[in-house]
Amino acid sequence: MTSDKRTCAGIMLVDDHPAVRQGVALVLEEEGYRICGEADSCATVHAFLAKQTPDLALLDISLGQESGLNLIPEIRHRGVATLVYSMHEDPASIERAFMAGALGYVAKRESTEVLLDAVAAVLDGRRYVSPCSAQSLASRVLAGAETEHAAVLSEREKQVLQGLGNGAATGDIAALCGISVRTVETYYSRIIEKLKLDGMKALRRYAATFKP
């Protein structure tokens, strides 16, 4: 984004902590952005939007006892892009923000450079998920996949998989489960087929992270 576009872009800061608004304003103004308004509650956001239409709302989702998530649909309806800037990094909050219409999500603990990248991206109409937020979402997806995989395995298959993940040899797993080595190998094949894995190496990698 060019300096001229930055100067023309009006940003509304929505956060119930004055010190946070002041700090963010300094960072954005140093980059040439224009702060056209500040708000610390849903009511002050409504009042501001009744008079002005900023280009971007930089929004915290914790506004005292209120949720900034409830503001996103109205902000979007007025043609204003929303970038959530929050201390909340849980997947549920991130997903709810995007479902409500936010274009970007940045965790407050991330660097100034990340925030500036997000502002530029959202003002250009692009979605942006900060690194910490993306990691949170990825963890949820992976946890869901593991749960789904585990659900298709029998208790014996989980036992065999856990033994493999603990580094036990096939003979040791057989002794632990009270079955033959050949039966353990049969379980390996069944697990590979059920989880659609690419052979024993993939099975060992999966077993190393498996949590029953």
N, C-alpha and C. Protein backbone atom coordinates (compact mmCIF):
# COMPACT_ATOMS: atom_id res chain seq x y z
N MET A 1 0.85 -1.20 0.00
CA MET A 1 0.00 0.00 0.00
C MET A 1 0.88 1.24 0.00
N THR A 2 0.59 2.18 -0.84
CA THR A 2 1.40 3.39 -0.94
C THR A 2 1.10 4.32 0.21
N SER A 3 2.01 5.29 0.40
CA SER A 3 1.83 6.26 1.48
C SER A 3 0.55 7.06 1.29
N ASP A 4 0.21 7.42 0.02
CA ASP A 4 -1.01 8.18 -0.24
C ASP A 4 -2.24 7.41 0.20
N LYS A 5 -2.29 6.12 -0.11
CA LYS A 5 -3.44 5.30 0.26
C LYS A 5 -3.54 5.20 1.78
N ARG A 6 -2.39 5.11 2.44
CA ARG A 6 -2.40 5.03 3.89
C ARG A 6 -2.98 6.31 4.49
N THR A 7 -2.58 7.43 3.96
CA THR A 7 -3.07 8.71 4.47
C THR A 7 -4.57 8.82 4.30
N CYS A 8 -5.09 8.26 3.22
CA CYS A 8 -6.53 8.33 2.94
C CYS A 8 -7.33 7.33 3.77
N ALA A 9 -6.68 6.26 4.25
CA ALA A 9 -7.39 5.21 4.97
C ALA A 9 -7.66 5.64 6.41
N GLY A 10 -8.95 5.66 6.77
CA GLY A 10 -9.32 6.01 8.14
C GLY A 10 -9.54 4.77 8.97
N ILE A 11 -8.91 4.72 10.13
CA ILE A 11 -8.99 3.55 10.99
C ILE A 11 -9.65 3.91 12.31
N MET A 12 -10.64 3.11 12.70
CA MET A 12 -11.30 3.27 13.99
C MET A 12 -10.74 2.23 14.95
N LEU A 13 -10.30 2.68 16.13
CA LEU A 13 -9.76 1.78 17.14
C LEU A 13 -10.83 1.47 18.18
N VAL A 14 -11.10 0.19 18.38
CA VAL A 14 -12.14 -0.22 19.33
C VAL A 14 -11.49 -1.11 20.38
N ASP A 15 -11.28 -0.54 21.57
CA ASP A 15 -10.65 -1.28 22.67
C ASP A 15 -11.02 -0.56 23.96
N ASP A 16 -11.31 -1.32 25.01
CA ASP A 16 -11.72 -0.68 26.26
C ASP A 16 -10.55 -0.25 27.14
N HIS A 17 -9.32 -0.43 26.65
CA HIS A 17 -8.14 0.01 27.39
C HIS A 17 -7.50 1.21 26.67
N PRO A 18 -7.56 2.41 27.27
CA PRO A 18 -7.00 3.61 26.64
C PRO A 18 -5.52 3.47 26.28
N ALA A 19 -4.75 2.80 27.13
CA ALA A 19 -3.32 2.65 26.87
C ALA A 19 -3.07 1.83 25.60
N VAL A 20 -3.91 0.80 25.38
CA VAL A 20 -3.78 -0.02 24.17
C VAL A 20 -4.11 0.82 22.94
N ARG A 21 -5.19 1.58 23.01
CA ARG A 21 -5.57 2.43 21.88
C ARG A 21 -4.47 3.44 21.58
N GLN A 22 -3.89 4.03 22.63
CA GLN A 22 -2.83 5.01 22.43
C GLN A 22 -1.60 4.39 21.78
N GLY A 23 -1.21 3.21 22.25
CA GLY A 23 -0.04 2.54 21.69
C GLY A 23 -0.23 2.15 20.25
N VAL A 24 -1.39 1.59 19.94
CA VAL A 24 -1.68 1.18 18.56
C VAL A 24 -1.76 2.40 17.65
N ALA A 25 -2.36 3.47 18.15
CA ALA A 25 -2.48 4.69 17.35
C ALA A 25 -1.10 5.22 16.98
N LEU A 26 -0.17 5.22 17.92
CA LEU A 26 1.18 5.70 17.64
C LEU A 26 1.85 4.86 16.55
N VAL A 27 1.69 3.54 16.67
CA VAL A 27 2.30 2.63 15.68
C VAL A 27 1.72 2.88 14.28
N LEU A 28 0.41 3.00 14.20
CA LEU A 28 -0.24 3.18 12.90
C LEU A 28 0.06 4.56 12.31
N GLU A 29 0.04 5.58 13.14
CA GLU A 29 0.31 6.92 12.64
C GLU A 29 1.73 7.08 12.15
N GLU A 30 2.67 6.38 12.79
CA GLU A 30 4.05 6.41 12.33
C GLU A 30 4.19 5.81 10.93
N GLU A 31 3.29 4.89 10.60
CA GLU A 31 3.30 4.27 9.27
C GLU A 31 2.47 5.06 8.26
N GLY A 32 1.89 6.16 8.68
CA GLY A 32 1.14 7.01 7.76
C GLY A 32 -0.35 6.80 7.75
N TYR A 33 -0.85 5.94 8.61
CA TYR A 33 -2.29 5.72 8.68
C TYR A 33 -2.96 6.85 9.47
N ARG A 34 -4.25 7.03 9.26
CA ARG A 34 -5.00 8.09 9.92
C ARG A 34 -6.01 7.47 10.89
N ILE A 35 -5.92 7.84 12.14
CA ILE A 35 -6.88 7.37 13.14
C ILE A 35 -8.06 8.33 13.12
N CYS A 36 -9.21 7.83 12.68
CA CYS A 36 -10.37 8.71 12.51
C CYS A 36 -11.34 8.63 13.69
N GLY A 37 -11.09 7.71 14.62
CA GLY A 37 -11.98 7.62 15.76
C GLY A 37 -11.57 6.51 16.71
N GLU A 38 -12.03 6.62 17.96
CA GLU A 38 -11.78 5.60 18.98
C GLU A 38 -13.08 5.29 19.71
N ALA A 39 -13.20 4.05 20.16
CA ALA A 39 -14.40 3.63 20.90
C ALA A 39 -14.00 2.61 21.94
N ASP A 40 -14.74 2.60 23.07
CA ASP A 40 -14.42 1.67 24.14
C ASP A 40 -15.59 0.78 24.53
N SER A 41 -16.68 0.85 23.76
CA SER A 41 -17.86 0.04 24.06
C SER A 41 -18.71 -0.11 22.81
N CYS A 42 -19.69 -0.99 22.88
CA CYS A 42 -20.59 -1.17 21.74
C CYS A 42 -21.38 0.11 21.47
N ALA A 43 -21.79 0.79 22.52
CA ALA A 43 -22.56 2.01 22.35
C ALA A 43 -21.77 3.10 21.64
N THR A 44 -20.50 3.26 22.00
CA THR A 44 -19.69 4.30 21.36
C THR A 44 -19.37 3.93 19.91
N VAL A 45 -19.31 2.64 19.62
CA VAL A 45 -19.12 2.22 18.22
C VAL A 45 -20.36 2.57 17.41
N HIS A 46 -21.54 2.26 17.94
CA HIS A 46 -22.78 2.58 17.25
C HIS A 46 -22.88 4.09 16.98
N ALA A 47 -22.54 4.88 17.99
CA ALA A 47 -22.62 6.34 17.85
C ALA A 47 -21.64 6.85 16.79
N PHE A 48 -20.45 6.28 16.77
CA PHE A 48 -19.45 6.71 15.79
C PHE A 48 -19.88 6.35 14.37
N LEU A 49 -20.35 5.13 14.20
CA LEU A 49 -20.74 4.67 12.87
C LEU A 49 -21.96 5.42 12.33
N ALA A 50 -22.74 5.99 13.21
CA ALA A 50 -23.90 6.78 12.78
C ALA A 50 -23.47 8.09 12.13
N LYS A 51 -22.23 8.49 12.41
CA LYS A 51 -21.74 9.77 11.90
C LYS A 51 -20.65 9.62 10.84
N GLN A 52 -19.83 8.57 10.97
CA GLN A 52 -18.70 8.39 10.05
C GLN A 52 -18.59 6.94 9.60
N THR A 53 -17.92 6.77 8.48
CA THR A 53 -17.67 5.42 7.96
C THR A 53 -16.18 5.26 7.73
N PRO A 54 -15.49 4.64 8.66
CA PRO A 54 -14.04 4.42 8.48
C PRO A 54 -13.78 3.35 7.43
N ASP A 55 -12.54 3.20 7.06
CA ASP A 55 -12.17 2.14 6.12
C ASP A 55 -11.92 0.82 6.84
N LEU A 56 -11.47 0.94 8.09
CA LEU A 56 -11.10 -0.24 8.86
C LEU A 56 -11.45 -0.05 10.33
N ALA A 57 -12.01 -1.11 10.92
CA ALA A 57 -12.22 -1.13 12.36
C ALA A 57 -11.24 -2.13 12.96
N LEU A 58 -10.34 -1.64 13.81
CA LEU A 58 -9.40 -2.51 14.52
C LEU A 58 -10.05 -2.81 15.86
N LEU A 59 -10.52 -4.03 16.02
CA LEU A 59 -11.49 -4.34 17.07
C LEU A 59 -11.01 -5.40 18.05
N ASP A 60 -11.12 -5.06 19.35
CA ASP A 60 -10.92 -6.06 20.39
C ASP A 60 -12.27 -6.73 20.64
N ILE A 61 -12.26 -8.02 20.95
CA ILE A 61 -13.54 -8.70 21.17
C ILE A 61 -13.95 -8.70 22.63
N SER A 62 -13.08 -8.20 23.52
CA SER A 62 -13.44 -8.07 24.93
C SER A 62 -13.59 -6.59 25.25
N LEU A 63 -14.82 -6.15 25.39
CA LEU A 63 -15.11 -4.75 25.69
C LEU A 63 -15.85 -4.68 27.02
N GLY A 64 -15.10 -4.78 28.11
CA GLY A 64 -15.72 -4.83 29.41
C GLY A 64 -16.57 -6.08 29.55
N GLN A 65 -17.86 -5.90 29.81
CA GLN A 65 -18.77 -7.02 29.91
C GLN A 65 -19.41 -7.37 28.58
N GLU A 66 -19.04 -6.64 27.52
CA GLU A 66 -19.63 -6.84 26.20
C GLU A 66 -18.66 -7.61 25.29
N SER A 67 -19.21 -8.16 24.23
CA SER A 67 -18.39 -8.87 23.24
C SER A 67 -18.33 -8.08 21.94
N GLY A 68 -17.13 -7.79 21.51
CA GLY A 68 -16.95 -7.08 20.25
C GLY A 68 -17.39 -7.91 19.05
N LEU A 69 -17.52 -9.22 19.25
CA LEU A 69 -17.97 -10.08 18.15
C LEU A 69 -19.36 -9.67 17.67
N ASN A 70 -20.17 -9.17 18.59
CA ASN A 70 -21.52 -8.75 18.23
C ASN A 70 -21.55 -7.52 17.35
N LEU A 71 -20.44 -6.80 17.30
CA LEU A 71 -20.36 -5.59 16.48
C LEU A 71 -19.98 -5.87 15.02
N ILE A 72 -19.34 -6.99 14.80
CA ILE A 72 -18.78 -7.26 13.47
C ILE A 72 -19.83 -7.27 12.36
N PRO A 73 -20.98 -7.92 12.53
CA PRO A 73 -21.98 -7.90 11.44
C PRO A 73 -22.42 -6.49 11.06
N GLU A 74 -22.65 -5.63 12.06
CA GLU A 74 -23.06 -4.26 11.75
C GLU A 74 -21.95 -3.49 11.06
N ILE A 75 -20.72 -3.66 11.54
CA ILE A 75 -19.58 -2.98 10.92
C ILE A 75 -19.45 -3.41 9.46
N ARG A 76 -19.59 -4.72 9.24
CA ARG A 76 -19.49 -5.23 7.87
C ARG A 76 -20.63 -4.69 7.01
N HIS A 77 -21.83 -4.63 7.59
CA HIS A 77 -23.01 -4.12 6.85
C HIS A 77 -22.79 -2.70 6.37
N ARG A 78 -22.02 -1.93 7.10
CA ARG A 78 -21.74 -0.55 6.73
C ARG A 78 -20.57 -0.43 5.76
N GLY A 79 -20.06 -1.57 5.30
CA GLY A 79 -18.99 -1.56 4.32
C GLY A 79 -17.62 -1.31 4.90
N VAL A 80 -17.48 -1.55 6.20
CA VAL A 80 -16.20 -1.32 6.88
C VAL A 80 -15.51 -2.66 7.12
N ALA A 81 -14.24 -2.76 6.77
CA ALA A 81 -13.48 -3.99 7.01
C ALA A 81 -13.14 -4.10 8.49
N THR A 82 -13.16 -5.31 9.02
CA THR A 82 -12.86 -5.52 10.43
C THR A 82 -11.63 -6.39 10.60
N LEU A 83 -10.70 -5.89 11.41
CA LEU A 83 -9.52 -6.66 11.81
C LEU A 83 -9.59 -6.83 13.32
N VAL A 84 -9.72 -8.06 13.78
CA VAL A 84 -9.78 -8.32 15.22
C VAL A 84 -8.36 -8.32 15.77
N TYR A 85 -8.19 -7.61 16.89
CA TYR A 85 -6.89 -7.52 17.56
C TYR A 85 -7.15 -7.86 19.03
N SER A 86 -6.85 -9.09 19.41
CA SER A 86 -7.33 -9.58 20.70
C SER A 86 -6.30 -10.43 21.43
N MET A 87 -6.44 -10.49 22.75
CA MET A 87 -5.60 -11.36 23.55
C MET A 87 -6.09 -12.80 23.50
N HIS A 88 -7.32 -13.00 23.02
CA HIS A 88 -7.88 -14.35 22.93
C HIS A 88 -7.33 -15.07 21.71
N GLU A 89 -6.73 -16.24 21.95
CA GLU A 89 -6.14 -17.01 20.86
C GLU A 89 -6.79 -18.38 20.70
N ASP A 90 -7.87 -18.62 21.41
CA ASP A 90 -8.53 -19.91 21.31
C ASP A 90 -9.22 -20.05 19.95
N PRO A 91 -9.23 -21.24 19.39
CA PRO A 91 -9.82 -21.46 18.06
C PRO A 91 -11.27 -21.01 17.95
N ALA A 92 -12.05 -21.19 19.02
CA ALA A 92 -13.47 -20.84 18.97
C ALA A 92 -13.66 -19.35 18.72
N SER A 93 -12.88 -18.51 19.41
CA SER A 93 -13.00 -17.06 19.22
C SER A 93 -12.59 -16.66 17.81
N ILE A 94 -11.52 -17.26 17.32
CA ILE A 94 -11.04 -16.94 15.97
C ILE A 94 -12.09 -17.33 14.93
N GLU A 95 -12.63 -18.53 15.06
CA GLU A 95 -13.65 -19.00 14.11
C GLU A 95 -14.90 -18.14 14.16
N ARG A 96 -15.33 -17.78 15.37
CA ARG A 96 -16.53 -16.94 15.51
C ARG A 96 -16.32 -15.58 14.87
N ALA A 97 -15.12 -15.04 15.00
CA ALA A 97 -14.83 -13.73 14.41
C ALA A 97 -14.95 -13.78 12.90
N PHE A 98 -14.39 -14.80 12.28
CA PHE A 98 -14.46 -14.91 10.83
C PHE A 98 -15.88 -15.22 10.36
N MET A 99 -16.58 -16.04 11.12
CA MET A 99 -17.97 -16.34 10.76
C MET A 99 -18.85 -15.10 10.84
N ALA A 100 -18.51 -14.19 11.76
CA ALA A 100 -19.28 -12.95 11.91
C ALA A 100 -18.98 -11.96 10.80
N GLY A 101 -17.84 -12.15 10.10
CA GLY A 101 -17.53 -11.26 8.98
C GLY A 101 -16.20 -10.55 9.06
N ALA A 102 -15.38 -10.88 10.05
CA ALA A 102 -14.05 -10.25 10.13
C ALA A 102 -13.19 -10.72 8.97
N LEU A 103 -12.28 -9.84 8.54
CA LEU A 103 -11.35 -10.19 7.47
C LEU A 103 -10.00 -10.65 8.00
N GLY A 104 -9.70 -10.27 9.24
CA GLY A 104 -8.40 -10.64 9.79
C GLY A 104 -8.45 -10.85 11.29
N TYR A 105 -7.44 -11.56 11.79
CA TYR A 105 -7.36 -11.82 13.23
C TYR A 105 -5.89 -11.82 13.65
N VAL A 106 -5.57 -10.98 14.64
CA VAL A 106 -4.20 -10.88 15.14
C VAL A 106 -4.20 -11.00 16.65
N ALA A 107 -3.32 -11.82 17.19
CA ALA A 107 -3.17 -11.94 18.64
C ALA A 107 -2.35 -10.76 19.15
N LYS A 108 -2.74 -10.21 20.28
CA LYS A 108 -2.08 -9.02 20.79
C LYS A 108 -0.62 -9.25 21.17
N ARG A 109 -0.24 -10.48 21.46
CA ARG A 109 1.14 -10.73 21.87
C ARG A 109 2.11 -10.76 20.69
N GLU A 110 1.58 -10.65 19.49
CA GLU A 110 2.44 -10.72 18.31
C GLU A 110 3.12 -9.38 18.04
N SER A 111 4.10 -9.42 17.15
CA SER A 111 4.94 -8.24 16.91
C SER A 111 4.19 -7.13 16.18
N THR A 112 4.76 -5.94 16.28
CA THR A 112 4.21 -4.78 15.56
C THR A 112 4.18 -5.04 14.07
N GLU A 113 5.20 -5.72 13.57
CA GLU A 113 5.28 -6.01 12.13
C GLU A 113 4.10 -6.86 11.69
N VAL A 114 3.70 -7.82 12.52
CA VAL A 114 2.55 -8.66 12.19
C VAL A 114 1.28 -7.82 12.12
N LEU A 115 1.11 -6.94 13.08
CA LEU A 115 -0.07 -6.07 13.09
C LEU A 115 -0.12 -5.19 11.84
N LEU A 116 1.02 -4.63 11.47
CA LEU A 116 1.06 -3.75 10.29
C LEU A 116 0.78 -4.54 9.01
N ASP A 117 1.31 -5.77 8.94
CA ASP A 117 1.03 -6.62 7.77
C ASP A 117 -0.47 -6.90 7.68
N ALA A 118 -1.08 -7.15 8.84
CA ALA A 118 -2.50 -7.46 8.87
C ALA A 118 -3.34 -6.25 8.43
N VAL A 119 -3.00 -5.09 8.93
CA VAL A 119 -3.73 -3.86 8.56
C VAL A 119 -3.65 -3.64 7.05
N ALA A 120 -2.46 -3.75 6.49
CA ALA A 120 -2.28 -3.55 5.05
C ALA A 120 -3.09 -4.57 4.25
N ALA A 121 -3.06 -5.83 4.70
CA ALA A 121 -3.77 -6.88 3.97
C ALA A 121 -5.27 -6.65 3.99
N VAL A 122 -5.82 -6.36 5.17
CA VAL A 122 -7.26 -6.18 5.30
C VAL A 122 -7.74 -4.94 4.54
N LEU A 123 -6.95 -3.88 4.57
CA LEU A 123 -7.32 -2.68 3.81
C LEU A 123 -7.31 -2.95 2.30
N ASP A 124 -6.52 -3.94 1.89
CA ASP A 124 -6.50 -4.34 0.48
C ASP A 124 -7.58 -5.36 0.16
N GLY A 125 -8.39 -5.70 1.16
CA GLY A 125 -9.48 -6.64 0.94
C GLY A 125 -9.08 -8.09 1.04
N ARG A 126 -7.92 -8.36 1.62
CA ARG A 126 -7.43 -9.73 1.74
C ARG A 126 -7.62 -10.24 3.17
N ARG A 127 -7.88 -11.52 3.29
CA ARG A 127 -7.98 -12.14 4.62
C ARG A 127 -6.59 -12.28 5.22
N TYR A 128 -6.54 -12.20 6.54
CA TYR A 128 -5.25 -12.33 7.22
C TYR A 128 -5.44 -13.06 8.54
N VAL A 129 -4.63 -14.09 8.74
CA VAL A 129 -4.61 -14.81 10.01
C VAL A 129 -3.17 -14.76 10.51
N SER A 130 -2.97 -14.18 11.67
CA SER A 130 -1.62 -14.03 12.20
C SER A 130 -1.02 -15.39 12.54
N PRO A 131 0.32 -15.47 12.65
CA PRO A 131 0.97 -16.76 12.93
C PRO A 131 0.45 -17.47 14.18
N CYS A 132 0.30 -16.75 15.28
CA CYS A 132 -0.19 -17.39 16.51
C CYS A 132 -1.63 -17.88 16.36
N SER A 133 -2.44 -17.08 15.68
CA SER A 133 -3.82 -17.47 15.46
C SER A 133 -3.91 -18.69 14.55
N ALA A 134 -3.07 -18.70 13.51
CA ALA A 134 -3.06 -19.83 12.58
C ALA A 134 -2.61 -21.10 13.29
N GLN A 135 -1.64 -20.97 14.19
CA GLN A 135 -1.17 -22.13 14.94
C GLN A 135 -2.28 -22.68 15.83
N SER A 136 -3.05 -21.79 16.42
CA SER A 136 -4.16 -22.21 17.27
C SER A 136 -5.20 -22.98 16.46
N LEU A 137 -5.53 -22.47 15.28
CA LEU A 137 -6.50 -23.14 14.43
C LEU A 137 -5.98 -24.49 13.96
N ALA A 138 -4.69 -24.53 13.61
CA ALA A 138 -4.09 -25.78 13.14
C ALA A 138 -4.10 -26.84 14.23
N SER A 139 -3.85 -26.42 15.47
CA SER A 139 -3.86 -27.37 16.59
C SER A 139 -5.24 -27.99 16.76
N ARG A 140 -6.27 -27.17 16.56
CA ARG A 140 -7.63 -27.69 16.69
C ARG A 140 -7.95 -28.68 15.57
N VAL A 141 -7.52 -28.35 14.36
CA VAL A 141 -7.77 -29.25 13.23
C VAL A 141 -7.07 -30.58 13.43
N LEU A 142 -5.80 -30.51 13.87
CA LEU A 142 -5.04 -31.73 14.07
C LEU A 142 -5.63 -32.57 15.20
N ALA A 143 -6.06 -31.89 16.27
CA ALA A 143 -6.67 -32.62 17.38
C ALA A 143 -7.96 -33.30 16.94
N GLY A 144 -8.73 -32.62 16.10
CA GLY A 144 -9.96 -33.20 15.58
C GLY A 144 -9.69 -34.40 14.70
N ALA A 145 -8.63 -34.30 13.88
CA ALA A 145 -8.27 -35.40 12.99
C ALA A 145 -7.83 -36.62 13.80
N GLU A 146 -7.05 -36.37 14.87
CA GLU A 146 -6.58 -37.47 15.70
C GLU A 146 -7.75 -38.16 16.39
N THR A 147 -8.70 -37.35 16.86
CA THR A 147 -9.87 -37.92 17.53
C THR A 147 -10.69 -38.75 16.57
N GLU A 148 -10.85 -38.24 15.35
CA GLU A 148 -11.61 -38.97 14.34
C GLU A 148 -10.93 -40.28 13.98
N HIS A 149 -9.59 -40.23 13.84
CA HIS A 149 -8.85 -41.44 13.52
C HIS A 149 -8.99 -42.47 14.63
N ALA A 150 -8.82 -41.99 15.87
CA ALA A 150 -8.87 -42.91 17.00
C ALA A 150 -10.23 -43.59 17.12
N ALA A 151 -11.26 -42.92 16.68
CA ALA A 151 -12.62 -43.45 16.80
C ALA A 151 -12.84 -44.69 15.94
N VAL A 152 -12.07 -44.83 14.87
CA VAL A 152 -12.26 -45.97 13.97
C VAL A 152 -11.44 -47.18 14.40
N LEU A 153 -10.61 -47.02 15.41
CA LEU A 153 -9.76 -48.12 15.85
C LEU A 153 -10.40 -48.88 17.01
N SER A 154 -10.17 -50.17 17.04
CA SER A 154 -10.64 -50.98 18.16
C SER A 154 -9.70 -50.74 19.35
N GLU A 155 -10.13 -51.18 20.53
CA GLU A 155 -9.29 -51.00 21.72
C GLU A 155 -7.97 -51.75 21.57
N ARG A 156 -8.01 -52.93 20.96
CA ARG A 156 -6.78 -53.70 20.76
C ARG A 156 -5.85 -52.98 19.78
N GLU A 157 -6.43 -52.40 18.73
CA GLU A 157 -5.61 -51.67 17.77
C GLU A 157 -4.97 -50.45 18.41
N LYS A 158 -5.71 -49.79 19.27
CA LYS A 158 -5.14 -48.64 20.00
C LYS A 158 -4.00 -49.08 20.91
N GLN A 159 -4.17 -50.25 21.53
CA GLN A 159 -3.14 -50.78 22.41
C GLN A 159 -1.86 -51.09 21.63
N VAL A 160 -2.03 -51.69 20.46
CA VAL A 160 -0.88 -51.99 19.60
C VAL A 160 -0.22 -50.70 19.14
N LEU A 161 -1.03 -49.72 18.75
CA LEU A 161 -0.51 -48.45 18.27
C LEU A 161 0.25 -47.71 19.38
N GLN A 162 -0.28 -47.77 20.58
CA GLN A 162 0.37 -47.11 21.71
C GLN A 162 1.72 -47.77 22.01
N GLY A 163 1.75 -49.08 21.94
CA GLY A 163 3.00 -49.78 22.17
C GLY A 163 4.04 -49.41 21.12
N LEU A 164 3.62 -49.32 19.88
CA LEU A 164 4.52 -48.94 18.80
C LEU A 164 5.03 -47.51 19.03
N GLY A 165 4.13 -46.64 19.47
CA GLY A 165 4.53 -45.25 19.72
C GLY A 165 5.50 -45.13 20.88
N ASN A 166 5.44 -46.07 21.82
CA ASN A 166 6.36 -46.05 22.96
C ASN A 166 7.72 -46.66 22.62
N GLY A 167 7.85 -47.11 21.38
CA GLY A 167 9.13 -47.66 20.93
C GLY A 167 9.30 -49.15 21.17
N ALA A 168 8.22 -49.82 21.53
CA ALA A 168 8.30 -51.27 21.79
C ALA A 168 8.46 -52.04 20.49
N ALA A 169 9.22 -53.10 20.54
CA ALA A 169 9.39 -53.98 19.38
C ALA A 169 8.12 -54.82 19.22
N THR A 170 7.97 -55.38 18.02
CA THR A 170 6.76 -56.17 17.73
C THR A 170 6.60 -57.33 18.71
N GLY A 171 7.72 -58.00 19.06
CA GLY A 171 7.66 -59.11 20.00
C GLY A 171 7.21 -58.65 21.38
N ASP A 172 7.67 -57.46 21.79
CA ASP A 172 7.28 -56.94 23.09
C ASP A 172 5.80 -56.58 23.12
N ILE A 173 5.30 -56.03 22.01
CA ILE A 173 3.88 -55.69 21.91
C ILE A 173 3.05 -56.95 21.97
N ALA A 174 3.52 -58.00 21.30
CA ALA A 174 2.81 -59.28 21.31
C ALA A 174 2.71 -59.85 22.72
N ALA A 175 3.83 -59.79 23.46
CA ALA A 175 3.85 -60.30 24.82
C ALA A 175 2.94 -59.48 25.73
N LEU A 176 2.97 -58.15 25.55
CA LEU A 176 2.16 -57.26 26.36
C LEU A 176 0.67 -57.52 26.15
N CYS A 177 0.30 -57.75 24.88
CA CYS A 177 -1.11 -57.95 24.55
C CYS A 177 -1.55 -59.40 24.68
N GLY A 178 -0.60 -60.31 24.86
CA GLY A 178 -0.94 -61.72 24.98
C GLY A 178 -1.36 -62.34 23.66
N ILE A 179 -0.77 -61.87 22.57
CA ILE A 179 -1.08 -62.38 21.23
C ILE A 179 0.22 -62.72 20.51
N SER A 180 0.10 -63.34 19.34
CA SER A 180 1.30 -63.73 18.60
C SER A 180 1.87 -62.54 17.83
N VAL A 181 3.13 -62.69 17.45
CA VAL A 181 3.78 -61.66 16.63
C VAL A 181 3.04 -61.49 15.31
N ARG A 182 2.61 -62.59 14.75
CA ARG A 182 1.88 -62.53 13.47
C ARG A 182 0.58 -61.75 13.63
N THR A 183 -0.08 -61.91 14.75
CA THR A 183 -1.33 -61.17 14.99
C THR A 183 -1.06 -59.68 15.13
N VAL A 184 0.05 -59.34 15.79
CA VAL A 184 0.43 -57.92 15.90
C VAL A 184 0.65 -57.33 14.51
N GLU A 185 1.33 -58.08 13.65
CA GLU A 185 1.59 -57.60 12.28
C GLU A 185 0.28 -57.44 11.51
N THR A 186 -0.68 -58.32 11.80
CA THR A 186 -2.00 -58.19 11.18
C THR A 186 -2.67 -56.89 11.64
N TYR A 187 -2.52 -56.58 12.93
CA TYR A 187 -3.06 -55.32 13.45
C TYR A 187 -2.40 -54.12 12.77
N TYR A 188 -1.09 -54.21 12.55
CA TYR A 188 -0.40 -53.12 11.84
C TYR A 188 -1.09 -52.86 10.50
N SER A 189 -1.34 -53.95 9.77
CA SER A 189 -1.95 -53.82 8.45
C SER A 189 -3.35 -53.22 8.53
N ARG A 190 -4.12 -53.64 9.53
CA ARG A 190 -5.48 -53.12 9.70
C ARG A 190 -5.46 -51.62 10.01
N ILE A 191 -4.54 -51.24 10.90
CA ILE A 191 -4.45 -49.82 11.29
C ILE A 191 -4.04 -48.97 10.09
N ILE A 192 -3.07 -49.45 9.34
CA ILE A 192 -2.61 -48.73 8.15
C ILE A 192 -3.77 -48.53 7.18
N GLU A 193 -4.57 -49.56 7.00
CA GLU A 193 -5.71 -49.50 6.09
C GLU A 193 -6.78 -48.54 6.61
N LYS A 194 -7.10 -48.63 7.89
CA LYS A 194 -8.14 -47.78 8.46
C LYS A 194 -7.77 -46.30 8.43
N LEU A 195 -6.50 -46.02 8.73
CA LEU A 195 -6.05 -44.63 8.79
C LEU A 195 -5.52 -44.12 7.45
N LYS A 196 -5.54 -45.03 6.45
CA LYS A 196 -5.08 -44.67 5.11
C LYS A 196 -3.65 -44.13 5.14
N LEU A 197 -2.78 -44.86 5.82
CA LEU A 197 -1.38 -44.47 5.93
C LEU A 197 -0.56 -45.16 4.85
N ASP A 198 0.60 -44.62 4.57
CA ASP A 198 1.45 -45.14 3.50
C ASP A 198 2.55 -46.04 4.07
N GLY A 199 2.16 -47.19 4.59
CA GLY A 199 3.12 -48.17 5.04
C GLY A 199 3.58 -48.01 6.49
N MET A 200 4.57 -48.86 6.87
CA MET A 200 5.02 -48.93 8.25
C MET A 200 5.72 -47.65 8.73
N LYS A 201 6.48 -46.99 7.85
CA LYS A 201 7.15 -45.76 8.28
C LYS A 201 6.13 -44.70 8.69
N ALA A 202 5.08 -44.59 7.89
CA ALA A 202 4.02 -43.63 8.21
C ALA A 202 3.30 -44.03 9.49
N LEU A 203 3.13 -45.34 9.67
CA LEU A 203 2.47 -45.84 10.88
C LEU A 203 3.31 -45.50 12.12
N ARG A 204 4.62 -45.67 12.02
CA ARG A 204 5.49 -45.36 13.16
C ARG A 204 5.46 -43.86 13.49
N ARG A 205 5.43 -43.03 12.45
CA ARG A 205 5.37 -41.57 12.67
C ARG A 205 4.06 -41.20 13.35
N TYR A 206 2.98 -41.81 12.89
CA TYR A 206 1.67 -41.53 13.49
C TYR A 206 1.64 -42.01 14.93
N ALA A 207 2.17 -43.22 15.18
CA ALA A 207 2.16 -43.81 16.51
C ALA A 207 2.93 -42.93 17.51
N ALA A 208 3.98 -42.26 17.03
CA ALA A 208 4.81 -41.44 17.92
C ALA A 208 4.04 -40.27 18.51
N THR A 209 2.97 -39.84 17.83
CA THR A 209 2.18 -38.69 18.32
C THR A 209 0.80 -39.12 18.77
N PHE A 210 0.54 -40.42 18.73
CA PHE A 210 -0.81 -40.92 19.06
C PHE A 210 -1.09 -40.78 20.56
N LYS A 211 -2.31 -40.27 20.85
CA LYS A 211 -2.77 -40.17 22.24
C LYS A 211 -4.10 -40.89 22.35
N PRO A 212 -4.15 -42.02 23.03
CA PRO A 212 -5.38 -42.82 23.12
C PRO A 212 -6.46 -42.09 23.91
